[in-house]
């Protein structure tokens, strides 16, 4: 559900699969870092 907060991923404006996957990885990394910082 948190991935949907990133509008570019939720609406998938970018049609190239490589760019979509890269954006998905970046969003996941940001979510993971935020949760890691709050746990530390």
Protein backbone atom coordinates (compact mmCIF):
# COMPACT_ATOMS: atom_id res chain seq x y z
CA UNK A 1 0.00 0.00 0.00
CA UNK A 2 2.83 2.42 0.69
CA UNK A 3 4.11 2.11 -2.85
CA UNK A 4 0.88 3.69 -4.09
CA UNK A 5 1.86 6.91 -2.35
CA UNK A 6 4.39 7.44 -5.11
CA UNK A 7 2.22 8.88 -7.86
CA UNK A 8 4.48 7.92 -10.76
CA UNK A 9 4.36 4.29 -9.75
CA UNK A 10 0.67 4.24 -8.89
CA UNK A 11 -0.35 5.68 -12.26
CA UNK A 12 2.59 4.25 -14.21
CA UNK A 13 3.12 7.11 -16.60
CA UNK A 14 6.40 5.61 -17.77
CA UNK A 15 5.83 2.82 -20.29
CA UNK A 16 9.38 1.42 -20.42
CA UNK A 17 9.66 -1.57 -18.08
CA UNK A 18 13.24 -0.73 -17.12
CA UNK A 19 12.28 2.74 -15.92
CA UNK A 20 9.22 1.40 -14.11
CA UNK A 21 11.32 -1.20 -12.30
CA UNK A 22 13.94 1.40 -11.37
CA UNK A 23 11.26 3.72 -9.94
CA UNK A 24 9.75 0.82 -8.03
CA UNK A 25 13.13 -0.06 -6.52
CA UNK A 26 13.79 3.55 -5.54
CA UNK A 27 10.41 3.87 -3.86
CA UNK A 28 10.91 0.59 -2.01
CA UNK A 29 14.35 1.71 -0.87
CA UNK A 30 12.96 4.99 0.46
CA UNK A 31 10.21 3.16 2.37
CA UNK A 32 12.73 0.68 3.80
CA UNK A 33 15.15 3.44 4.85
CA UNK A 34 12.38 5.37 6.55
CA UNK A 35 11.30 2.31 8.54
CA UNK A 36 14.92 1.43 9.33
CA UNK A 37 15.64 4.92 10.68
CA UNK A 38 12.56 4.90 12.89
CA UNK A 39 13.53 1.49 14.30
CA UNK A 40 17.11 2.51 15.11
